[in-house]
């Protein structure tokens, strides 16, 4: 139940709270104190709701302690958590463990793509996303990742091809709209990109809005929306220390203050 509610909360389903998720996970631990999935879920609540990185780390370590099949997903989620803190070598170590435990599991590959993305190792990220497509040709995460990588690196033609496939599979989905917006930026039509963003920003997750304004170089609007994202505990804000989307903001003391509110130490990454 806690795992299901965590997925619902990530999708902004009304009435689902971190309090509910945490209480269900702790009830599971009352029944079985060694349950990897429950420790992992408690870690996620500490990480995303409380910005309590030490408690999250402690729970993640308990989740992966068994090193058996039940902890496979926990290794992958812990790897992502470590990458957000700039601990990339440890992150890759846990991803390797996950892939050894469950070679066909797709989550470790998805998270490995994210880790390479955070490291700015874009060639490796592309390789991983293409590997995901070999296993799951309609993977929205992989197609979206490839679309972003190509448009961010200025290859608008290749990026557009991935955006077109995304749109055929999931027309009008938010992920597709975001990829289409990145394509507009790649094509250099910044006025159109700005008009679209001004219209959509109040209706989309605050972190996405802030990151998009950062891409356009509007630091004031970016900080405004990122401040809202931190206050609302948008699940993506914990990536702000390593996200390439936010690189234009790293010298701004207002951004540094936001990182500290999330419990990150800006000098550590």
C-alpha atoms as a PDB file:
ATOM      1  CA  UNK A   1       0.000   0.000   0.000  1.00  0.00           C
ATOM      2  CA  UNK A   2       2.817   2.409   0.829  1.00  0.00           C
ATOM      3  CA  UNK A   3       4.508   1.680  -2.506  1.00  0.00           C
ATOM      4  CA  UNK A   4       1.258   2.224  -4.407  1.00  0.00           C
ATOM      5  CA  UNK A   5       0.552   5.468  -2.585  1.00  0.00           C
ATOM      6  CA  UNK A   6       4.119   6.655  -3.271  1.00  0.00           C
ATOM      7  CA  UNK A   7       3.483   6.195  -7.000  1.00  0.00           C
ATOM      8  CA  UNK A   8       0.166   8.014  -6.692  1.00  0.00           C
ATOM      9  CA  UNK A   9       1.794  10.860  -4.777  1.00  0.00           C
ATOM     10  CA  UNK A  10       4.422  11.210  -7.519  1.00  0.00           C
ATOM     11  CA  UNK A  11       1.543  11.573  -9.956  1.00  0.00           C
ATOM     12  CA  UNK A  12      -0.031  14.326  -7.829  1.00  0.00           C
ATOM     13  CA  UNK A  13      -3.130  12.250  -7.019  1.00  0.00           C
ATOM     14  CA  UNK A  14      -5.252  14.273  -4.539  1.00  0.00           C
ATOM     15  CA  UNK A  15      -5.557  12.962  -0.991  1.00  0.00           C
ATOM     16  CA  UNK A  16      -2.281  11.029  -0.975  1.00  0.00           C
ATOM     17  CA  UNK A  17       0.288  12.398   1.462  1.00  0.00           C
ATOM     18  CA  UNK A  18       3.775  11.535   2.628  1.00  0.00           C
ATOM     19  CA  UNK A  19       2.273  11.062   6.107  1.00  0.00           C
ATOM     20  CA  UNK A  20       0.075   8.265   4.774  1.00  0.00           C
ATOM     21  CA  UNK A  21       2.967   6.658   2.887  1.00  0.00           C
ATOM     22  CA  UNK A  22       5.257   6.814   5.913  1.00  0.00           C
ATOM     23  CA  UNK A  23       2.673   5.386   8.320  1.00  0.00           C
ATOM     24  CA  UNK A  24       1.954   2.445   6.008  1.00  0.00           C
ATOM     25  CA  UNK A  25       5.647   1.706   5.555  1.00  0.00           C
ATOM     26  CA  UNK A  26       6.263   1.808   9.305  1.00  0.00           C
ATOM     27  CA  UNK A  27       3.304  -0.519   9.845  1.00  0.00           C
ATOM     28  CA  UNK A  28       4.982  -2.936   7.447  1.00  0.00           C
ATOM     29  CA  UNK A  29       8.181  -2.664   9.501  1.00  0.00           C
ATOM     30  CA  UNK A  30       6.214  -3.443  12.648  1.00  0.00           C
ATOM     31  CA  UNK A  31       5.232  -6.700  10.958  1.00  0.00           C
ATOM     32  CA  UNK A  32       8.679  -7.429   9.507  1.00  0.00           C
ATOM     33  CA  UNK A  33      11.593  -5.213  10.669  1.00  0.00           C
ATOM     34  CA  UNK A  34      13.875  -6.607   7.946  1.00  0.00           C
ATOM     35  CA  UNK A  35      11.574  -5.806   5.002  1.00  0.00           C
ATOM     36  CA  UNK A  36      13.724  -4.100   2.358  1.00  0.00           C
ATOM     37  CA  UNK A  37      10.816  -2.477   0.526  1.00  0.00           C
ATOM     38  CA  UNK A  38       9.519  -0.866   3.726  1.00  0.00           C
ATOM     39  CA  UNK A  39      12.926   0.551   4.695  1.00  0.00           C
ATOM     40  CA  UNK A  40      13.265   1.897   1.156  1.00  0.00           C
ATOM     41  CA  UNK A  41       9.891   3.639   1.371  1.00  0.00           C
ATOM     42  CA  UNK A  42      10.700   5.171   4.759  1.00  0.00           C
ATOM     43  CA  UNK A  43      13.937   6.419   3.196  1.00  0.00           C
ATOM     44  CA  UNK A  44      12.014   8.033   0.335  1.00  0.00           C
ATOM     45  CA  UNK A  45       9.778   9.910   2.782  1.00  0.00           C
ATOM     46  CA  UNK A  46      12.810  11.160   4.751  1.00  0.00           C
ATOM     47  CA  UNK A  47      14.522  12.139   1.510  1.00  0.00           C
ATOM     48  CA  UNK A  48      11.707  13.848  -0.404  1.00  0.00           C
ATOM     49  CA  UNK A  49       9.439  15.180   2.357  1.00  0.00           C
ATOM     50  CA  UNK A  50      11.847  15.964   5.183  1.00  0.00           C
ATOM     51  CA  UNK A  51      15.044  16.630   3.207  1.00  0.00           C
ATOM     52  CA  UNK A  52      16.605  14.522   5.955  1.00  0.00           C
ATOM     53  CA  UNK A  53      19.491  12.987   4.041  1.00  0.00           C
ATOM     54  CA  UNK A  54      21.166  11.221   7.031  1.00  0.00           C
ATOM     55  CA  UNK A  55      17.943   9.424   7.989  1.00  0.00           C
ATOM     56  CA  UNK A  56      17.318   8.496   4.374  1.00  0.00           C
ATOM     57  CA  UNK A  57      20.832   7.093   4.084  1.00  0.00           C
ATOM     58  CA  UNK A  58      20.361   5.017   7.230  1.00  0.00           C
ATOM     59  CA  UNK A  59      17.107   3.531   5.931  1.00  0.00           C
ATOM     60  CA  UNK A  60      18.554   2.867   2.482  1.00  0.00           C
ATOM     61  CA  UNK A  61      21.462   1.001   4.043  1.00  0.00           C
ATOM     62  CA  UNK A  62      18.991  -1.173   5.932  1.00  0.00           C
ATOM     63  CA  UNK A  63      17.054  -1.749   2.715  1.00  0.00           C
ATOM     64  CA  UNK A  64      20.102  -3.029   0.811  1.00  0.00           C
ATOM     65  CA  UNK A  65      21.672  -4.919   3.711  1.00  0.00           C
ATOM     66  CA  UNK A  66      20.170  -8.261   2.703  1.00  0.00           C
ATOM     67  CA  UNK A  67      21.671  -8.077  -0.792  1.00  0.00           C
ATOM     68  CA  UNK A  68      18.996 -10.505  -2.007  1.00  0.00           C
ATOM     69  CA  UNK A  69      16.243 -10.298  -4.591  1.00  0.00           C
ATOM     70  CA  UNK A  70      13.983  -8.269  -2.266  1.00  0.00           C
ATOM     71  CA  UNK A  71      16.581  -5.480  -2.150  1.00  0.00           C
ATOM     72  CA  UNK A  72      17.123  -5.295  -5.930  1.00  0.00           C
ATOM     73  CA  UNK A  73      14.924  -2.225  -6.451  1.00  0.00           C
ATOM     74  CA  UNK A  74      16.288  -0.651  -3.269  1.00  0.00           C
ATOM     75  CA  UNK A  75      19.836  -0.727  -4.683  1.00  0.00           C
ATOM     76  CA  UNK A  76      18.579   1.086  -7.797  1.00  0.00           C
ATOM     77  CA  UNK A  77      16.690   3.757  -5.837  1.00  0.00           C
ATOM     78  CA  UNK A  78      19.610   4.216  -3.426  1.00  0.00           C
ATOM     79  CA  UNK A  79      21.897   4.647  -6.449  1.00  0.00           C
ATOM     80  CA  UNK A  80      19.746   7.533  -7.672  1.00  0.00           C
ATOM     81  CA  UNK A  81      19.749   9.056  -4.188  1.00  0.00           C
ATOM     82  CA  UNK A  82      23.557   8.886  -4.031  1.00  0.00           C
ATOM     83  CA  UNK A  83      23.868  10.484  -7.472  1.00  0.00           C
ATOM     84  CA  UNK A  84      21.774  13.451  -6.331  1.00  0.00           C
ATOM     85  CA  UNK A  85      24.412  14.000  -3.653  1.00  0.00           C
ATOM     86  CA  UNK A  86      27.238  13.833  -6.200  1.00  0.00           C
ATOM     87  CA  UNK A  87      28.446  10.434  -4.949  1.00  0.00           C
ATOM     88  CA  UNK A  88      28.660   8.970  -8.426  1.00  0.00           C
ATOM     89  CA  UNK A  89      31.188   6.175  -7.850  1.00  0.00           C
ATOM     90  CA  UNK A  90      29.041   4.717  -5.054  1.00  0.00           C
ATOM     91  CA  UNK A  91      25.961   5.147  -7.196  1.00  0.00           C
ATOM     92  CA  UNK A  92      27.419   3.090 -10.032  1.00  0.00           C
ATOM     93  CA  UNK A  93      28.510   0.424  -7.548  1.00  0.00           C
ATOM     94  CA  UNK A  94      24.900  -0.071  -6.402  1.00  0.00           C
ATOM     95  CA  UNK A  95      23.667  -0.080  -9.986  1.00  0.00           C
ATOM     96  CA  UNK A  96      26.125  -2.863 -10.817  1.00  0.00           C
ATOM     97  CA  UNK A  97      24.861  -4.831  -7.827  1.00  0.00           C
ATOM     98  CA  UNK A  98      21.277  -4.395  -9.018  1.00  0.00           C
ATOM     99  CA  UNK A  99      22.105  -5.528 -12.526  1.00  0.00           C
ATOM    100  CA  UNK A 100      23.870  -8.611 -11.155  1.00  0.00           C
ATOM    101  CA  UNK A 101      20.830  -9.471  -9.021  1.00  0.00           C
ATOM    102  CA  UNK A 102      18.285  -8.860 -11.797  1.00  0.00           C
ATOM    103  CA  UNK A 103      19.858  -8.456 -15.269  1.00  0.00           C
ATOM    104  CA  UNK A 104      16.553  -7.816 -17.086  1.00  0.00           C
ATOM    105  CA  UNK A 105      15.158  -5.267 -14.611  1.00  0.00           C
ATOM    106  CA  UNK A 106      14.571  -1.947 -16.374  1.00  0.00           C
ATOM    107  CA  UNK A 107      14.644   0.399 -13.335  1.00  0.00           C
ATOM    108  CA  UNK A 108      18.429   0.067 -12.839  1.00  0.00           C
ATOM    109  CA  UNK A 109      18.938   1.016 -16.491  1.00  0.00           C
ATOM    110  CA  UNK A 110      16.620   4.004 -16.174  1.00  0.00           C
ATOM    111  CA  UNK A 111      18.461   5.198 -13.086  1.00  0.00           C
ATOM    112  CA  UNK A 112      21.843   4.541 -14.702  1.00  0.00           C
ATOM    113  CA  UNK A 113      20.784   6.835 -17.538  1.00  0.00           C
ATOM    114  CA  UNK A 114      19.898   9.518 -15.000  1.00  0.00           C
ATOM    115  CA  UNK A 115      23.216   9.103 -13.181  1.00  0.00           C
ATOM    116  CA  UNK A 116      25.206   9.559 -16.399  1.00  0.00           C
ATOM    117  CA  UNK A 117      22.996  12.546 -17.203  1.00  0.00           C
ATOM    118  CA  UNK A 118      23.794  14.123 -13.835  1.00  0.00           C
ATOM    119  CA  UNK A 119      27.496  13.460 -14.472  1.00  0.00           C
ATOM    120  CA  UNK A 120      27.259  15.186 -17.891  1.00  0.00           C
ATOM    121  CA  UNK A 121      28.436  11.908 -19.456  1.00  0.00           C
ATOM    122  CA  UNK A 122      25.902  12.268 -22.222  1.00  0.00           C
ATOM    123  CA  UNK A 123      27.372   9.664 -24.586  1.00  0.00           C
ATOM    124  CA  UNK A 124      27.039   7.002 -21.884  1.00  0.00           C
ATOM    125  CA  UNK A 125      23.520   8.173 -21.048  1.00  0.00           C
ATOM    126  CA  UNK A 126      22.556   7.808 -24.710  1.00  0.00           C
ATOM    127  CA  UNK A 127      23.979   4.285 -24.783  1.00  0.00           C
ATOM    128  CA  UNK A 128      21.880   3.310 -21.749  1.00  0.00           C
ATOM    129  CA  UNK A 129      18.664   4.821 -23.154  1.00  0.00           C
ATOM    130  CA  UNK A 130      19.168   2.928 -26.417  1.00  0.00           C
ATOM    131  CA  UNK A 131      19.683  -0.262 -24.425  1.00  0.00           C
ATOM    132  CA  UNK A 132      16.327   0.365 -22.705  1.00  0.00           C
ATOM    133  CA  UNK A 133      14.678   0.752 -26.117  1.00  0.00           C
ATOM    134  CA  UNK A 134      16.089  -2.630 -27.144  1.00  0.00           C
ATOM    135  CA  UNK A 135      14.224  -4.155 -24.208  1.00  0.00           C
ATOM    136  CA  UNK A 136      11.173  -1.852 -24.276  1.00  0.00           C
ATOM    137  CA  UNK A 137      10.791  -0.084 -27.664  1.00  0.00           C
ATOM    138  CA  UNK A 138       7.992   2.151 -26.363  1.00  0.00           C
ATOM    139  CA  UNK A 139       9.737   3.319 -23.180  1.00  0.00           C
ATOM    140  CA  UNK A 140       8.688   6.929 -22.589  1.00  0.00           C
ATOM    141  CA  UNK A 141      11.628   7.502 -20.233  1.00  0.00           C
ATOM    142  CA  UNK A 142      14.174   6.381 -22.821  1.00  0.00           C
ATOM    143  CA  UNK A 143      12.581   8.268 -25.702  1.00  0.00           C
ATOM    144  CA  UNK A 144      12.287  11.400 -23.573  1.00  0.00           C
ATOM    145  CA  UNK A 145      15.902  11.075 -22.433  1.00  0.00           C
ATOM    146  CA  UNK A 146      17.149  10.703 -25.992  1.00  0.00           C
ATOM    147  CA  UNK A 147      15.009  13.610 -27.181  1.00  0.00           C
ATOM    148  CA  UNK A 148      16.448  15.846 -24.475  1.00  0.00           C
ATOM    149  CA  UNK A 149      20.048  14.765 -25.058  1.00  0.00           C
ATOM    150  CA  UNK A 150      19.854  15.419 -28.793  1.00  0.00           C
ATOM    151  CA  UNK A 151      18.127  18.790 -28.492  1.00  0.00           C
ATOM    152  CA  UNK A 152      20.381  19.926 -25.641  1.00  0.00           C
ATOM    153  CA  UNK A 153      23.441  19.125 -27.755  1.00  0.00           C
ATOM    154  CA  UNK A 154      22.005  20.995 -30.739  1.00  0.00           C
ATOM    155  CA  UNK A 155      21.018  18.016 -32.902  1.00  0.00           C
ATOM    156  CA  UNK A 156      17.481  19.210 -33.553  1.00  0.00           C
ATOM    157  CA  UNK A 157      16.833  16.709 -36.362  1.00  0.00           C
ATOM    158  CA  UNK A 158      17.565  13.635 -34.231  1.00  0.00           C
ATOM    159  CA  UNK A 159      15.813  15.175 -31.249  1.00  0.00           C
ATOM    160  CA  UNK A 160      12.760  15.884 -33.376  1.00  0.00           C
ATOM    161  CA  UNK A 161      12.612  12.272 -34.519  1.00  0.00           C
ATOM    162  CA  UNK A 162      12.410  11.093 -30.902  1.00  0.00           C
ATOM    163  CA  UNK A 163       9.832  13.769 -30.073  1.00  0.00           C
ATOM    164  CA  UNK A 164       7.705  12.629 -33.024  1.00  0.00           C
ATOM    165  CA  UNK A 165       7.771   9.029 -31.806  1.00  0.00           C
ATOM    166  CA  UNK A 166       6.875  10.131 -28.290  1.00  0.00           C
ATOM    167  CA  UNK A 167       3.933  12.086 -29.651  1.00  0.00           C
ATOM    168  CA  UNK A 168       2.673   9.119 -31.679  1.00  0.00           C
ATOM    169  CA  UNK A 169       2.734   6.902 -28.602  1.00  0.00           C
ATOM    170  CA  UNK A 170       1.430   9.360 -25.986  1.00  0.00           C
ATOM    171  CA  UNK A 171      -0.220  12.355 -27.703  1.00  0.00           C
ATOM    172  CA  UNK A 172      -0.723  15.368 -25.451  1.00  0.00           C
ATOM    173  CA  UNK A 173       1.073  13.778 -22.467  1.00  0.00           C
ATOM    174  CA  UNK A 174       3.037  16.228 -20.317  1.00  0.00           C
ATOM    175  CA  UNK A 175       6.287  14.417 -21.096  1.00  0.00           C
ATOM    176  CA  UNK A 176       5.645  14.972 -24.819  1.00  0.00           C
ATOM    177  CA  UNK A 177       4.824  18.647 -24.341  1.00  0.00           C
ATOM    178  CA  UNK A 178       8.067  19.119 -22.415  1.00  0.00           C
ATOM    179  CA  UNK A 179      10.066  17.391 -25.168  1.00  0.00           C
ATOM    180  CA  UNK A 180       8.354  19.538 -27.816  1.00  0.00           C
ATOM    181  CA  UNK A 181       9.250  22.667 -25.854  1.00  0.00           C
ATOM    182  CA  UNK A 182      12.905  21.597 -25.709  1.00  0.00           C
ATOM    183  CA  UNK A 183      12.800  21.147 -29.484  1.00  0.00           C
ATOM    184  CA  UNK A 184      11.522  24.716 -29.934  1.00  0.00           C
ATOM    185  CA  UNK A 185      14.456  25.949 -27.812  1.00  0.00           C
ATOM    186  CA  UNK A 186      16.871  23.832 -29.872  1.00  0.00           C
ATOM    187  CA  UNK A 187      15.510  25.366 -33.077  1.00  0.00           C
ATOM    188  CA  UNK A 188      16.286  28.822 -31.704  1.00  0.00           C
ATOM    189  CA  UNK A 189      12.751  30.219 -31.518  1.00  0.00           C
ATOM    190  CA  UNK A 190      13.168  31.575 -27.991  1.00  0.00           C
ATOM    191  CA  UNK A 191      10.277  34.028 -28.264  1.00  0.00           C
ATOM    192  CA  UNK A 192       7.885  31.170 -28.991  1.00  0.00           C
ATOM    193  CA  UNK A 193       9.446  29.120 -26.192  1.00  0.00           C
ATOM    194  CA  UNK A 194       8.944  32.015 -23.782  1.00  0.00           C
ATOM    195  CA  UNK A 195       5.294  32.500 -24.786  1.00  0.00           C
ATOM    196  CA  UNK A 196       4.568  28.805 -24.340  1.00  0.00           C
ATOM    197  CA  UNK A 197       6.300  28.717 -20.971  1.00  0.00           C
ATOM    198  CA  UNK A 198       4.520  31.790 -19.637  1.00  0.00           C
ATOM    199  CA  UNK A 199       1.191  30.146 -20.499  1.00  0.00           C
ATOM    200  CA  UNK A 200       1.987  26.735 -19.041  1.00  0.00           C
ATOM    201  CA  UNK A 201       4.160  27.598 -16.004  1.00  0.00           C
ATOM    202  CA  UNK A 202       1.288  28.096 -13.516  1.00  0.00           C
ATOM    203  CA  UNK A 203      -0.182  24.697 -14.475  1.00  0.00           C
ATOM    204  CA  UNK A 204       2.873  22.418 -14.555  1.00  0.00           C
ATOM    205  CA  UNK A 205       5.035  21.132 -11.667  1.00  0.00           C
ATOM    206  CA  UNK A 206       6.976  24.043 -10.191  1.00  0.00           C
ATOM    207  CA  UNK A 207      10.367  22.380 -10.634  1.00  0.00           C
ATOM    208  CA  UNK A 208       9.795  21.955 -14.380  1.00  0.00           C
ATOM    209  CA  UNK A 209       8.760  25.602 -14.668  1.00  0.00           C
ATOM    210  CA  UNK A 210      11.805  26.792 -12.737  1.00  0.00           C
ATOM    211  CA  UNK A 211      14.194  24.626 -14.731  1.00  0.00           C
ATOM    212  CA  UNK A 212      12.666  25.832 -18.005  1.00  0.00           C
ATOM    213  CA  UNK A 213      13.052  29.483 -17.056  1.00  0.00           C
ATOM    214  CA  UNK A 214      16.655  28.698 -16.121  1.00  0.00           C
ATOM    215  CA  UNK A 215      17.238  27.269 -19.605  1.00  0.00           C
ATOM    216  CA  UNK A 216      15.925  30.547 -21.070  1.00  0.00           C
ATOM    217  CA  UNK A 217      18.224  32.559 -18.798  1.00  0.00           C
ATOM    218  CA  UNK A 218      15.465  34.161 -16.701  1.00  0.00           C
ATOM    219  CA  UNK A 219      17.006  33.709 -13.273  1.00  0.00           C
ATOM    220  CA  UNK A 220      14.355  35.637 -11.363  1.00  0.00           C
ATOM    221  CA  UNK A 221      11.439  33.534 -12.629  1.00  0.00           C
ATOM    222  CA  UNK A 222      13.517  30.370 -12.271  1.00  0.00           C
ATOM    223  CA  UNK A 223      14.252  31.112  -8.613  1.00  0.00           C
ATOM    224  CA  UNK A 224      10.601  32.028  -8.001  1.00  0.00           C
ATOM    225  CA  UNK A 225       9.342  28.662  -9.238  1.00  0.00           C
ATOM    226  CA  UNK A 226      12.146  26.660  -7.648  1.00  0.00           C
ATOM    227  CA  UNK A 227      11.353  28.312  -4.310  1.00  0.00           C
ATOM    228  CA  UNK A 228       7.769  27.145  -4.747  1.00  0.00           C
ATOM    229  CA  UNK A 229       8.981  23.653  -5.660  1.00  0.00           C
ATOM    230  CA  UNK A 230      11.042  23.439  -2.470  1.00  0.00           C
ATOM    231  CA  UNK A 231       8.122  24.653  -0.366  1.00  0.00           C
ATOM    232  CA  UNK A 232       5.742  22.168  -2.006  1.00  0.00           C
ATOM    233  CA  UNK A 233       8.275  19.315  -1.727  1.00  0.00           C
ATOM    234  CA  UNK A 234       8.217  18.638  -5.447  1.00  0.00           C
ATOM    235  CA  UNK A 235       9.917  15.249  -5.697  1.00  0.00           C
ATOM    236  CA  UNK A 236      12.404  16.552  -8.291  1.00  0.00           C
ATOM    237  CA  UNK A 237      13.941  19.315  -6.170  1.00  0.00           C
ATOM    238  CA  UNK A 238      16.354  16.901  -4.505  1.00  0.00           C
ATOM    239  CA  UNK A 239      18.159  16.726  -7.870  1.00  0.00           C
ATOM    240  CA  UNK A 240      18.858  20.458  -7.941  1.00  0.00           C
ATOM    241  CA  UNK A 241      22.480  20.027  -6.840  1.00  0.00           C
ATOM    242  CA  UNK A 242      23.382  18.001  -9.931  1.00  0.00           C
ATOM    243  CA  UNK A 243      20.750  18.753 -12.597  1.00  0.00           C
ATOM    244  CA  UNK A 244      22.224  20.154 -15.834  1.00  0.00           C
ATOM    245  CA  UNK A 245      18.982  22.105 -16.352  1.00  0.00           C
ATOM    246  CA  UNK A 246      20.018  24.431 -13.513  1.00  0.00           C
ATOM    247  CA  UNK A 247      23.657  25.061 -14.370  1.00  0.00           C
ATOM    248  CA  UNK A 248      22.971  28.721 -15.266  1.00  0.00           C
ATOM    249  CA  UNK A 249      21.878  29.348 -11.669  1.00  0.00           C
ATOM    250  CA  UNK A 250      24.804  27.903  -9.727  1.00  0.00           C
ATOM    251  CA  UNK A 251      26.575  31.223  -9.163  1.00  0.00           C
ATOM    252  CA  UNK A 252      23.399  32.879  -7.838  1.00  0.00           C
ATOM    253  CA  UNK A 253      23.346  33.101  -4.012  1.00  0.00           C
ATOM    254  CA  UNK A 254      19.559  32.684  -4.059  1.00  0.00           C
ATOM    255  CA  UNK A 255      20.019  29.278  -5.646  1.00  0.00           C
ATOM    256  CA  UNK A 256      22.651  28.355  -3.076  1.00  0.00           C
ATOM    257  CA  UNK A 257      20.156  29.257  -0.343  1.00  0.00           C
ATOM    258  CA  UNK A 258      17.560  26.970  -1.939  1.00  0.00           C
ATOM    259  CA  UNK A 259      20.053  24.106  -2.012  1.00  0.00           C
ATOM    260  CA  UNK A 260      20.669  24.555   1.693  1.00  0.00           C
ATOM    261  CA  UNK A 261      16.916  24.481   2.365  1.00  0.00           C
ATOM    262  CA  UNK A 262      16.854  21.091   0.662  1.00  0.00           C
ATOM    263  CA  UNK A 263      19.693  19.937   2.901  1.00  0.00           C
ATOM    264  CA  UNK A 264      22.345  19.963   0.190  1.00  0.00           C
ATOM    265  CA  UNK A 265      25.813  21.345   0.673  1.00  0.00           C
ATOM    266  CA  UNK A 266      26.575  23.301  -2.504  1.00  0.00           C
ATOM    267  CA  UNK A 267      30.351  22.997  -2.047  1.00  0.00           C
ATOM    268  CA  UNK A 268      30.147  19.207  -1.939  1.00  0.00           C
ATOM    269  CA  UNK A 269      29.273  18.562  -5.595  1.00  0.00           C
END
